[in-house]
Amino acid sequence: MKRNLIVCLAALACFACNSLQKESPLVEEAAHGYLVAIANYRFDEAEPYSSKQTVENTLVVFNRMMKFTDTAYVAKNTPAEITITGVKVLTKKTALAYYHKHSPITELDDTVSVIKEKGRWVVDDYVQEPPLLNFLEGHQTLTTPDELKQ
C-alpha cells in the first residue's frame, strides 16, 4: 500500500514538473526580449515583455535617469548581448530566468523574475527610484565649479 502511494505521488510530481517546464520557452522569450532591450538602453522596446508594475515603475525610472546618463558611456557599453542560460518555472505563475550579459565593458551573470500576468509571461523587475533623481530633475541647469566661485 505504501509503495503504491509513493509511486502515485512520484508520478504526480513528474506530471506537474513536466507541465510547468512546457512554459519554459515562453518564459525565456519574455526574459530575453526584456533584457536585450534594457541592456541596450531601448526601454520602450522592453514594454511588451514587462509586467504592469515594471512599466509603471522601472521603465519610468530608467527613462528619467537617461536624461542624466553620459551618452559616451552608453555608446561604449553597447551593443549588449543577452544569453538565457536557464529557466526555472517555480509555479503556474512564477519563474526565474538565468542570464549572461556581455557588452563591450560588462560581463554579468544574474537572474530576473518572470510572472504570468493576464495569461502571458512578463518580466517583473522592480527598480526603486533613486532619491537624488527628483533633486536632479528640479535642477536641470547644473552649476559648474567656476560658476560657484562667482
Protein backbone atom coordinates (compact mmCIF):
# COMPACT_ATOMS: atom_id res chain seq x y z
CA MET A 1 0.00 0.00 0.00
CA LYS A 2 2.76 2.44 0.95
CA ARG A 3 4.64 1.53 -2.19
CA ASN A 4 1.60 2.28 -4.39
CA LEU A 5 1.14 5.64 -2.66
CA ILE A 6 4.79 6.55 -3.20
CA VAL A 7 4.61 5.56 -6.87
CA CYS A 8 1.43 7.63 -7.35
CA LEU A 9 2.95 10.67 -5.65
CA ALA A 10 6.12 10.38 -7.73
CA ALA A 11 4.09 10.12 -10.95
CA LEU A 12 2.01 13.14 -9.96
CA ALA A 13 5.15 15.14 -9.19
CA CYS A 14 6.66 14.22 -12.57
CA PHE A 15 3.45 15.23 -14.37
CA ALA A 16 3.34 18.61 -12.58
CA CYS A 17 7.01 19.22 -13.26
CA ASN A 18 6.65 18.38 -16.96
CA SER A 19 3.60 20.60 -17.42
CA LEU A 20 5.43 23.53 -15.78
CA GLN A 21 8.53 23.00 -17.92
CA LYS A 22 6.41 23.34 -21.07
CA GLU A 23 6.18 27.01 -20.10
CA SER A 24 9.98 27.45 -20.25
CA PRO A 25 10.18 28.69 -23.88
CA LEU A 26 7.58 31.37 -23.15
CA VAL A 27 9.44 32.45 -20.00
CA GLU A 28 12.71 32.53 -21.95
CA GLU A 29 11.15 34.64 -24.72
CA ALA A 30 9.84 37.23 -22.25
CA ALA A 31 13.11 37.42 -20.32
CA HIS A 32 15.25 37.65 -23.45
CA GLY A 33 13.12 40.36 -25.07
CA TYR A 34 13.10 42.44 -21.91
CA LEU A 35 16.79 42.05 -21.10
CA VAL A 36 18.05 42.78 -24.62
CA ALA A 37 16.03 45.99 -24.71
CA ILE A 38 17.16 47.10 -21.25
CA ALA A 39 20.82 46.20 -21.81
CA ASN A 40 20.82 48.30 -24.98
CA TYR A 41 19.03 51.29 -23.38
CA ARG A 42 15.91 50.85 -25.55
CA PHE A 43 13.37 50.99 -22.75
CA ASP A 44 10.31 51.39 -24.99
CA GLU A 45 11.14 48.04 -26.61
CA ALA A 46 11.08 46.38 -23.17
CA GLU A 47 7.47 47.35 -22.54
CA PRO A 48 5.76 44.40 -24.30
CA TYR A 49 7.80 42.00 -22.16
CA SER A 50 7.13 43.85 -18.88
CA SER A 51 4.57 43.46 -16.11
CA LYS A 52 2.28 46.39 -15.40
CA GLN A 53 4.33 47.25 -12.30
CA THR A 54 7.57 47.13 -14.29
CA VAL A 55 6.17 49.51 -16.91
CA GLU A 56 4.79 51.92 -14.32
CA ASN A 57 7.86 51.93 -12.07
CA THR A 58 11.07 50.55 -13.51
CA LEU A 59 10.77 51.74 -17.10
CA VAL A 60 9.65 55.19 -15.97
CA VAL A 61 12.68 55.45 -13.66
CA PHE A 62 15.05 54.23 -16.39
CA ASN A 63 13.69 56.78 -18.88
CA ARG A 64 14.01 59.58 -16.33
CA MET A 65 17.57 58.54 -15.49
CA MET A 66 18.60 58.67 -19.14
CA LYS A 67 18.43 62.49 -19.00
CA PHE A 68 21.45 62.36 -16.70
CA THR A 69 23.33 59.48 -18.29
CA ASP A 70 26.55 60.09 -20.17
CA THR A 71 25.86 59.29 -23.83
CA ALA A 72 29.53 58.38 -24.33
CA TYR A 73 29.16 55.69 -21.66
CA VAL A 74 26.04 54.32 -23.36
CA ALA A 75 27.89 54.21 -26.69
CA LYS A 76 30.83 52.35 -25.08
CA ASN A 77 28.53 49.87 -23.34
CA THR A 78 26.56 48.83 -26.42
CA PRO A 79 25.75 46.67 -28.20
CA ALA A 80 24.97 44.26 -25.40
CA GLU A 81 24.15 40.59 -25.92
CA ILE A 82 21.97 38.50 -23.62
CA THR A 83 22.08 34.73 -23.38
CA ILE A 84 19.42 32.97 -21.33
CA THR A 85 21.38 30.25 -19.55
CA GLY A 86 18.46 28.59 -17.82
CA VAL A 87 14.82 28.83 -16.82
CA LYS A 88 13.25 27.56 -13.64
CA VAL A 89 9.45 27.55 -13.59
CA LEU A 90 8.55 27.68 -9.91
CA THR A 91 4.74 27.68 -10.05
CA LYS A 92 2.00 28.19 -12.63
CA LYS A 93 2.57 31.95 -12.34
CA THR A 94 6.21 32.46 -11.31
CA ALA A 95 9.57 31.67 -12.84
CA LEU A 96 13.20 32.69 -12.82
CA ALA A 97 15.32 33.23 -15.90
CA TYR A 98 19.08 32.93 -15.52
CA TYR A 99 21.10 35.01 -17.97
CA HIS A 100 24.53 36.15 -19.04
CA LYS A 101 25.06 39.72 -20.25
CA HIS A 102 28.01 40.56 -22.46
CA SER A 103 28.75 44.10 -23.56
CA PRO A 104 31.97 45.85 -24.54
CA ILE A 105 32.60 46.83 -20.89
CA THR A 106 30.40 44.48 -18.83
CA GLU A 107 30.13 40.76 -18.11
CA LEU A 108 27.31 39.80 -15.78
CA ASP A 109 25.53 36.64 -14.66
CA ASP A 110 22.21 37.22 -12.93
CA THR A 111 18.53 36.27 -12.76
CA VAL A 112 15.28 38.05 -13.49
CA SER A 113 11.80 37.26 -12.17
CA VAL A 114 9.13 36.38 -14.69
CA ILE A 115 5.43 36.18 -13.81
CA LYS A 116 2.26 35.21 -15.59
CA GLU A 117 0.05 38.28 -15.89
CA LYS A 118 -3.24 38.21 -17.79
CA GLY A 119 -2.32 34.84 -19.30
CA ARG A 120 1.15 35.72 -20.61
CA TRP A 121 4.67 35.61 -19.22
CA VAL A 122 6.23 39.01 -18.48
CA VAL A 123 9.26 40.25 -16.55
CA ASP A 124 8.54 41.61 -13.09
CA ASP A 125 11.55 43.80 -12.39
CA TYR A 126 11.23 46.49 -9.74
CA VAL A 127 13.84 49.23 -9.51
CA GLN A 128 13.44 51.72 -6.71
CA GLU A 129 13.68 55.35 -7.75
CA PRO A 130 16.92 56.91 -6.51
CA PRO A 131 16.13 59.83 -4.15
CA LEU A 132 18.63 62.01 -6.00
CA LEU A 133 16.62 61.74 -9.22
CA ASN A 134 13.90 64.17 -8.09
CA PHE A 135 16.54 66.62 -6.93
CA LEU A 136 18.37 66.46 -10.26
CA GLU A 137 15.17 66.93 -12.24
CA GLY A 138 14.43 70.05 -10.19
CA HIS A 139 17.89 71.43 -11.01
CA GLN A 140 18.20 70.86 -14.75
CA THR A 141 20.91 73.53 -15.03
CA LEU A 142 23.78 72.18 -13.01
CA THR A 143 26.33 74.64 -11.68
CA THR A 144 29.97 74.25 -12.68
CA PRO A 145 32.78 74.77 -10.13
CA ASP A 146 33.73 78.05 -11.87
CA GLU A 147 30.17 79.38 -11.53
CA LEU A 148 30.22 78.61 -7.80
CA LYS A 149 33.25 80.91 -7.30
CA GLN A 150 31.36 83.98 -8.61
